[in-house]
Protein backbone atom coordinates (compact mmCIF):
# COMPACT_ATOMS: atom_id res chain seq x y z
CA MET A 1 -2.75 221.74 140.92
CA ILE A 2 -2.50 223.51 144.60
CA LYS A 3 -4.29 222.17 147.37
CA LYS A 4 -3.56 224.15 150.72
CA VAL A 5 -5.20 223.72 153.90
CA VAL A 6 -4.81 225.99 157.31
CA ARG A 7 -6.13 225.03 160.04
CA PRO A 8 -5.94 225.39 164.18
CA TRP A 9 -3.36 223.55 165.62
CA LYS A 10 -4.14 220.76 168.20
CA GLY A 11 -1.85 221.66 171.26
CA PRO A 12 0.42 224.67 172.67
CA LYS A 13 3.42 224.64 170.54
CA PHE A 14 1.85 226.61 166.99
CA ASP A 15 -1.38 228.26 166.47
CA TRP A 16 -1.89 227.06 163.03
CA GLN A 17 -0.99 223.47 160.57
CA ILE A 18 -0.26 224.17 157.23
CA ASP A 19 -0.69 221.10 155.05
CA VAL A 20 0.01 222.10 151.18
CA ARG A 21 -0.17 219.62 148.36
CA VAL A 22 1.23 220.62 144.71
CA GLN A 23 0.35 218.45 141.69
CA LEU A 24 3.09 218.08 139.41
CA ALA A 25 2.83 217.59 135.48
CA ASP A 26 3.47 214.70 135.36
CA GLY A 27 0.65 213.71 137.55
CA THR A 28 2.17 213.15 141.12
CA TRP A 29 2.05 215.16 144.25
CA ARG A 30 4.46 216.39 146.59
CA ARG A 31 3.54 217.58 149.88
CA ALA A 32 4.80 219.65 153.40
CA LYS A 33 3.16 220.06 156.62
CA ARG A 34 4.05 222.52 158.91
CA GLY A 35 3.10 224.43 162.31
CA PHE A 36 2.83 228.38 162.18
CA ASN A 37 2.47 230.95 164.92
CA GLY A 38 1.02 233.96 164.01
CA THR A 39 -2.27 235.17 162.33
CA GLU A 40 -4.50 233.27 160.13
CA LYS A 41 -3.71 235.55 157.20
CA GLN A 42 -0.27 235.19 157.97
CA ALA A 43 -0.54 231.26 157.73
CA GLN A 44 -2.34 231.02 155.07
CA LYS A 45 0.52 233.41 152.90
CA GLU A 46 3.50 231.14 154.34
CA GLY A 47 0.70 228.58 153.35
CA ASP A 48 1.23 229.75 149.55
CA GLU A 49 4.96 230.33 149.86
CA ILE A 50 5.52 226.58 150.52
CA ALA A 51 3.52 225.82 147.92
CA PHE A 52 5.48 228.19 145.59
CA ALA A 53 8.61 226.73 147.18
CA LEU A 54 7.53 222.75 146.25
CA ARG A 55 6.57 223.53 143.02
CA ASP A 56 10.46 225.52 142.07
CA ASP A 57 11.89 222.48 143.39
CA ALA A 58 9.91 219.96 140.83
CA GLU A 59 10.64 222.64 138.34
CA GLU A 60 14.20 222.45 138.99
CA GLN A 61 14.45 218.99 139.29
CA THR A 62 12.76 218.61 135.82
CA VAL A 63 15.25 221.01 134.20
CA THR A 64 18.26 219.25 135.55
CA GLY A 65 17.36 216.09 136.04
CA GLU A 66 18.32 215.94 139.70
CA LYS A 67 16.53 216.39 142.71
CA PRO A 68 17.66 218.92 145.17
CA LYS A 69 19.47 217.80 147.98
CA LYS A 70 17.41 217.74 151.35
CA GLU A 71 19.31 218.05 154.59
CA VAL A 72 18.18 215.18 156.57
CA PRO A 73 18.14 215.49 160.30
CA THR A 74 19.69 212.93 162.52
CA LEU A 75 17.43 210.53 165.26
CA GLU A 76 18.92 212.88 168.00
CA GLY A 77 18.04 215.91 165.94
CA PHE A 78 14.53 215.17 165.07
CA GLN A 79 13.30 213.72 168.39
CA SER A 80 11.77 216.90 169.62
CA ARG A 81 10.05 217.96 166.50
CA PHE A 82 8.46 214.13 166.83
CA ILE A 83 7.26 214.56 170.50
CA THR A 84 5.92 218.15 170.34
CA GLU A 85 4.40 218.08 166.58
CA HIS A 86 3.03 214.37 166.58
CA LEU A 87 2.72 213.19 169.84
CA GLU A 88 1.55 216.17 171.82
CA ALA A 89 -0.25 217.64 168.69
CA ASN A 90 -2.27 214.51 168.73
CA ASP A 91 -2.93 214.98 172.35
CA LEU A 92 -2.35 211.58 173.10
CA LYS A 93 -2.38 210.63 176.81
CA PRO A 94 0.52 211.29 178.93
CA THR A 95 1.31 207.66 179.50
CA THR A 96 1.85 207.18 176.02
CA ILE A 97 3.92 209.53 175.40
CA GLU A 98 6.25 208.75 178.40
CA THR A 99 5.97 205.77 176.83
CA TYR A 100 7.56 206.92 173.32
CA LYS A 101 10.17 208.98 175.55
CA TYR A 102 11.38 206.13 177.53
CA ARG A 103 11.72 203.75 174.08
CA LEU A 104 13.68 206.53 172.42
CA ARG A 105 15.50 207.23 175.63
CA LEU A 106 16.41 203.75 176.26
CA HIS A 107 17.18 202.33 173.54
CA LEU A 108 16.86 203.74 170.54
CA LEU A 109 19.17 207.44 171.06
CA PRO A 110 21.96 205.45 172.54
CA CYS A 111 22.08 202.92 169.26
CA LEU A 112 20.69 205.15 166.51
CA GLY A 113 20.56 208.45 167.70
CA LYS A 114 23.55 210.01 165.39
CA MET A 115 22.20 208.63 162.05
CA LYS A 116 20.35 210.65 159.63
CA LEU A 117 16.56 209.38 159.26
CA ASP A 118 17.12 208.04 155.86
CA GLU A 119 20.09 206.15 156.83
CA ILE A 120 18.05 204.20 159.33
CA ASP A 121 17.33 200.96 157.15
CA PHE A 122 16.87 197.51 157.43
CA ALA A 123 20.65 196.85 158.31
CA ALA A 124 20.12 199.46 160.99
CA VAL A 125 17.11 197.89 162.48
CA GLN A 126 19.16 194.37 162.45
CA GLN A 127 21.60 196.88 164.73
CA LEU A 128 19.53 197.56 166.89
CA LYS A 129 17.93 194.33 167.74
CA ALA A 130 21.45 193.45 168.34
CA TYR A 131 22.16 196.01 171.08
CA ILE A 132 18.81 195.48 172.67
CA LYS A 133 20.17 191.85 173.09
CA ALA A 134 23.46 192.44 174.05
CA LYS A 135 22.33 195.21 177.00
CA ALA A 136 19.70 192.40 178.10
CA ALA A 137 22.31 190.16 178.31
CA ALA A 138 24.73 192.44 180.50
CA ARG A 139 21.81 192.64 183.04
CA LYS A 140 21.61 190.62 186.11
CA ASN A 141 19.03 188.17 185.32
CA GLY A 142 19.62 188.24 181.46
CA LYS A 143 16.28 188.57 180.67
CA TYR A 144 15.36 189.38 176.99
CA SER A 145 11.67 190.34 175.88
CA PRO A 146 10.67 189.91 172.38
CA VAL A 147 7.45 191.49 173.35
CA ALA A 148 9.76 194.87 174.50
CA VAL A 149 12.20 194.67 171.40
CA ASN A 150 9.06 194.94 169.31
CA HIS A 151 7.82 197.87 171.32
CA THR A 152 10.94 199.81 170.41
CA LEU A 153 10.30 198.75 166.85
CA GLY A 154 7.07 200.09 166.91
CA VAL A 155 8.68 203.61 168.06
CA LEU A 156 10.99 203.89 165.71
CA SER A 157 8.31 202.96 162.79
CA LYS A 158 6.22 205.81 164.00
CA VAL A 159 8.92 208.19 163.84
CA LEU A 160 10.05 207.43 160.32
CA THR A 161 6.31 207.15 158.91
CA PHE A 162 5.91 210.92 160.74
CA ALA A 163 9.14 212.07 158.92
CA PHE A 164 8.04 210.74 155.76
CA ASP A 165 4.32 212.06 156.01
CA ILE A 166 5.94 215.65 156.51
CA GLY A 167 8.31 215.25 154.07
CA VAL A 168 11.67 215.19 155.92
CA ILE A 169 12.57 211.66 154.07
CA ASP A 170 11.57 210.79 150.99
CA LYS A 171 10.98 206.81 151.48
CA LEU A 172 10.42 204.06 153.97
CA THR A 173 12.66 201.37 153.47
CA TRP A 174 11.12 198.98 155.54
CA ARG A 175 7.71 198.52 157.62
CA PHE A 176 6.96 197.26 161.27
CA LYS A 177 5.15 193.95 160.18
CA THR A 178 8.51 192.64 158.37
CA VAL A 179 11.19 193.38 161.11
CA LYS A 180 9.01 192.78 164.28
CA LEU A 181 9.86 189.63 166.18
CA LYS A 182 7.45 186.51 166.63
CA THR A 183 5.68 186.54 170.16
CA THR A 184 3.93 184.09 172.27
CA THR A 185 0.78 185.22 173.89
CA PRO A 186 1.71 186.21 177.85
CA LYS A 187 -0.03 183.95 180.57
CA MET A 188 -1.95 185.97 182.57
CA GLY A 189 -1.08 185.39 186.51
CA PHE A 190 -4.00 185.43 188.82
CA TYR A 191 -5.09 184.39 192.28
CA ASP A 192 -7.42 181.56 192.31
CA PHE A 193 -10.89 181.50 194.08
CA ALA A 194 -9.15 179.85 197.43
CA ALA A 195 -6.16 182.32 197.40
CA PHE A 196 -8.13 185.17 196.54
CA ALA A 197 -10.50 184.54 199.61
CA ALA A 198 -7.49 184.29 201.63
CA LEU A 199 -6.36 187.96 200.00
CA VAL A 200 -9.50 189.57 200.86
CA GLU A 201 -9.07 188.16 204.71
CA ALA A 202 -5.96 189.18 205.23
CA ALA A 203 -6.50 192.67 203.97
CA THR A 204 -9.13 192.92 206.20
CA GLY A 205 -7.19 192.30 209.33
CA VAL A 206 -4.70 194.85 207.75
CA GLY A 207 -7.24 198.00 207.64
CA ALA A 208 -10.51 199.16 205.88
CA HIS A 209 -8.54 200.97 203.04
CA GLU A 210 -6.48 197.93 202.12
CA ARG A 211 -9.60 195.68 202.15
CA ALA A 212 -11.14 198.12 199.72
CA LEU A 213 -8.34 198.13 197.80
CA VAL A 214 -7.87 194.40 197.01
CA LEU A 215 -12.17 194.54 196.42
CA LEU A 216 -11.75 197.34 193.92
CA GLY A 217 -8.91 195.56 192.09
CA GLY A 218 -10.51 191.84 192.30
CA GLU A 219 -14.14 192.36 191.87
CA ALA A 220 -14.43 195.73 190.17
CA GLY A 221 -11.08 195.52 188.05
CA LEU A 222 -9.56 198.80 188.56
CA ARG A 223 -5.96 199.47 187.64
CA ARG A 224 -2.77 200.90 189.52
CA GLY A 225 -3.67 204.40 188.41
CA GLU A 226 -7.44 204.19 188.64
CA LEU A 227 -7.45 202.80 192.20
CA ALA A 228 -4.92 205.83 193.41
CA ALA A 229 -7.48 208.16 191.46
CA LEU A 230 -10.78 207.12 192.31
CA ASP A 231 -12.99 209.82 194.07
CA TRP A 232 -15.68 209.46 196.17
CA SER A 233 -17.54 211.60 193.60
CA ASP A 234 -17.36 208.28 191.32
CA VAL A 235 -18.96 206.09 193.93
CA ASN A 236 -22.72 205.54 193.77
CA LEU A 237 -23.54 203.80 196.95
CA ALA A 238 -27.10 204.33 196.52
CA ASN A 239 -27.16 202.53 193.43
CA SER A 240 -24.15 200.18 193.85
CA PHE A 241 -22.28 201.04 191.04
CA VAL A 242 -18.40 202.66 190.49
CA THR A 243 -17.58 204.66 187.37
CA VAL A 244 -13.83 204.49 186.46
CA SER A 245 -13.36 207.95 184.60
CA ARG A 246 -9.63 208.96 185.77
CA THR A 247 -6.56 207.46 186.19
CA LEU A 248 -3.39 209.18 188.02
CA PHE A 249 0.06 209.26 186.21
CA LYS A 250 2.65 210.96 187.44
CA GLY A 251 0.96 212.93 189.88
CA HIS A 252 -1.29 214.01 186.96
CA GLU A 253 -5.13 213.08 186.41
CA THR A 254 -6.14 212.06 183.00
CA THR A 255 -8.88 209.83 181.18
CA PRO A 256 -8.58 205.92 181.94
CA LYS A 257 -6.43 203.72 179.23
CA GLY A 258 -8.72 203.83 176.39
CA GLY A 259 -9.29 207.39 176.55
CA THR A 260 -13.39 206.12 177.80
CA SER A 261 -14.91 205.89 180.82
CA ARG A 262 -16.54 202.53 182.49
CA THR A 263 -19.04 201.98 185.01
CA VAL A 264 -18.65 198.56 186.94
CA ARG A 265 -21.53 197.26 189.25
CA MET A 266 -19.95 196.74 192.63
CA THR A 267 -20.74 192.91 194.35
CA LYS A 268 -22.32 193.39 198.05
CA ARG A 269 -19.05 193.11 199.82
CA LEU A 270 -17.64 195.46 197.95
CA ALA A 271 -20.18 198.01 198.50
CA ALA A 272 -20.48 197.09 202.25
CA ALA A 273 -16.31 197.74 202.13
CA LEU A 274 -17.10 201.42 200.73
CA VAL A 275 -19.89 202.32 202.78
CA ALA A 276 -17.70 201.06 206.08
CA LEU A 277 -14.84 203.43 204.76
CA LYS A 278 -16.74 206.50 203.75
CA PRO A 279 -16.26 209.06 206.50
CA SER A 280 -19.55 210.65 206.06
CA PRO A 281 -22.45 210.86 203.23
CA GLN A 282 -21.13 214.40 202.76
CA ALA A 283 -17.61 212.79 202.08
CA THR A 284 -15.19 214.40 199.41
CA GLY A 285 -12.06 213.77 197.86
CA ARG A 286 -9.87 210.19 197.14
CA VAL A 287 -11.28 207.16 198.50
CA LEU A 288 -8.30 205.05 199.25
CA ARG A 289 -5.67 206.67 202.02
CA ARG A 290 -2.34 206.13 203.19
CA PRO A 291 -2.05 205.22 207.35
CA ASP A 292 -1.40 209.10 208.04
CA GLY A 293 -4.47 210.28 205.77
CA SER A 294 -2.97 211.48 202.84
CA PRO A 295 -4.11 209.92 199.33
CA HIS A 296 -2.53 207.17 197.70
CA THR A 297 -0.23 208.01 194.45
CA GLU A 298 0.11 205.30 191.66
CA THR A 299 3.35 204.90 193.32
CA SER A 300 2.48 204.34 196.92
CA ILE A 301 -0.47 201.93 196.61
CA ASN A 302 2.03 199.61 195.19
CA GLU A 303 3.35 199.40 198.86
CA VAL A 304 0.10 197.97 200.13
CA MET A 305 0.37 194.71 198.50
CA PRO A 306 3.28 192.95 200.06
CA ARG A 307 1.96 193.05 203.77
CA ILE A 308 -1.53 191.62 202.53
CA THR A 309 0.36 189.10 200.41
CA LYS A 310 2.39 188.14 203.63
CA GLU A 311 -0.63 187.96 205.81
CA ALA A 312 -2.57 185.81 203.49
CA GLY A 313 0.70 183.10 203.38
CA LEU A 314 1.02 183.82 199.59
CA ALA A 315 4.20 184.98 197.93
CA MET A 316 5.17 188.30 198.64
CA SER A 317 4.40 190.55 195.58
CA ARG A 318 4.21 194.70 194.78
CA LYS A 319 2.09 193.57 191.78
CA ILE A 320 -1.35 195.41 192.03
CA HIS A 321 -2.17 194.59 188.43
CA ILE A 322 -2.47 191.20 189.33
CA LEU A 323 -5.93 191.82 190.76
CA ARG A 324 -7.05 193.25 187.84
CA HIS A 325 -6.00 189.80 185.87
CA THR A 326 -8.00 188.10 188.48
CA PHE A 327 -11.01 190.35 188.05
CA CYS A 328 -10.98 189.12 184.53
CA SER A 329 -10.12 185.37 184.75
CA HIS A 330 -13.05 184.69 187.71
CA LEU A 331 -15.29 186.32 185.60
CA ALA A 332 -14.08 183.89 182.21
CA MET A 333 -14.09 180.81 185.01
CA ARG A 334 -17.70 181.98 185.86
CA GLY A 335 -18.83 181.75 182.28
CA ALA A 336 -19.12 185.67 181.42
CA LYS A 337 -18.75 186.37 177.87
CA ALA A 338 -15.76 187.76 176.12
CA ILE A 339 -17.85 190.75 175.18
CA GLU A 340 -18.99 191.50 178.67
CA ILE A 341 -15.39 191.07 180.03
CA MET A 342 -14.28 193.35 177.67
CA GLU A 343 -16.65 196.41 178.81
CA LEU A 344 -16.59 195.63 182.11
CA ALA A 345 -12.52 195.83 182.06
CA GLY A 346 -12.41 198.64 179.78
CA HIS A 347 -10.76 197.06 177.28
CA THR A 348 -10.24 198.41 173.66
CA ASP A 349 -9.45 195.50 171.97
CA ILE A 350 -11.02 191.69 171.79
CA GLN A 351 -7.74 190.30 171.58
CA VAL A 352 -6.83 191.46 174.98
CA THR A 353 -9.86 189.97 176.47
CA GLN A 354 -9.46 186.47 174.65
CA ARG A 355 -6.49 185.91 176.81
CA TYR A 356 -8.60 184.97 179.62
CA MET A 357 -11.40 183.12 177.64
CA HIS A 358 -8.92 179.53 177.58
CA LEU A 359 -10.18 179.87 181.41
CA SER A 360 -13.76 179.78 180.52
CA PRO A 361 -15.73 176.25 181.11
CA GLU A 362 -18.57 177.34 179.27
CA MET A 363 -16.57 177.93 175.98
CA LYS A 364 -15.17 174.08 176.24
CA ASN A 365 -18.43 172.61 177.09
CA SER A 366 -20.31 174.39 174.33
CA ALA A 367 -18.00 173.18 171.80
CA ILE A 368 -17.99 169.78 172.69
CA ARG A 369 -22.01 170.03 172.26
CA LEU A 370 -21.68 170.72 168.74
CA LEU A 371 -20.52 167.14 168.71
CA GLU A 372 -23.85 165.44 170.11
CA GLN A 373 -26.32 167.98 167.69
CA PRO A 374 -27.75 165.76 164.60
CA ILE A 375 -25.66 165.07 161.48
CA PRO A 376 -26.88 167.55 158.65
CA GLU A 377 -28.47 165.28 155.84
CA ALA A 378 -25.74 166.82 153.32
CA ALA A 379 -23.28 165.48 155.32
CA ALA A 380 -24.94 161.97 156.38
C-alpha cells in the first residue's frame, strides 16, 4: 500500500511538501518527506518516484537480507536542512529560531558537529555535558547552568527527532527526558512595594518616557520587546486599556511570545502617564522614545534602567524584565488568582505563573482555613 500526500510548503524554501508512506509485505511502514520546487503535477510525479524507491529498497532488503547502506550526514551538514525544513517551514517565531541557531553555534557544532547523526548516542550526549561544564568553568565567573544545558539538549533532541521523522536516520537511541539534568525552580527577583514606589518616583524625575516605561513594565507586565514595539494605536486612553499585540526582535516586528495578543486594563497612574506623554490626540508611531526623539529598540531600552535605579537608591541594574516579575509578584501578593495572572501576563503555561503564587497570602490563608472546617462524619 502506498500513501502519498502533496501539500503546499509552509515557507519560502519550497513550493510543495511531499510525504510518502509505503507499507511492506510484513505490515511495517517506510516513510519519506521531501521539499520540492515545481508544478503540482511535477510534485505528484516526484512523489511516485519516491514511493517506487522506498518499495525497491524494501524488496532489495528482503532478497539480500541486508538493508541498503544509507549515507547519513553530520550534524554540521544537516543543520541548514533542519533550520529551513523544520524551524522556518513551521513558521516558528524569529526569537525561537534564533535561540535554536544560538545553541547550535555555541555548543552543539563545536562539540558534535563532525559526528554523523546516527553516531550521536548516549555517550556523545555525556560528552556534550562535559564540554559545556568545562566551557563554563573556563569563564570568569565559572557559572554553570543546568537549565542552559537542558535547553541545548532539547535542541539536539529536536534535530535528531526531525532527522528520524524524515528518514535520514533509522532510530533514536535516547530521549530528552532520559538525559536532562535536574533543575530547581528559579527564584523570580522583583521589587517590593516600597522599592517599586521609589523606582516610579525616580523615573518621574528622569522624564515622562521613563515614568511611562516603568509603569508599563511594573503595572501592565510588558516585556522588553513589547515595550519597544508599543504603538499609540495599541493604547486606548478613552477606555483605559493597552493591547499587547506586537514585539520587537533584532529590529523586526513580530507577535508577542506565545503567538497571541492580550489586553491589559491600565491603572489610573499608568493611564495618566500615557495621557501626559501623548503629544497630540492624533499622534501615531511608537510610544516610548529616546531623548533624541527616536523610538526605542529592544536594545536601547535596557539603558534606561541604570539611571533610574541609581536615582531611586537601588542597586544599579539594566534588567528591564524585573519590572514584569514585579507586576506578577504584586498581583499574587494582593490576592489575584493564578489564572488571572496568567491571562494578564500572557503566559502560555500555568506552571510559569505558579512560580509567583507562593507569594499569595490568600492561598496560604485558605489552606489554613480548611483546618477549621467541621470534621467529616466518616473520619470522626
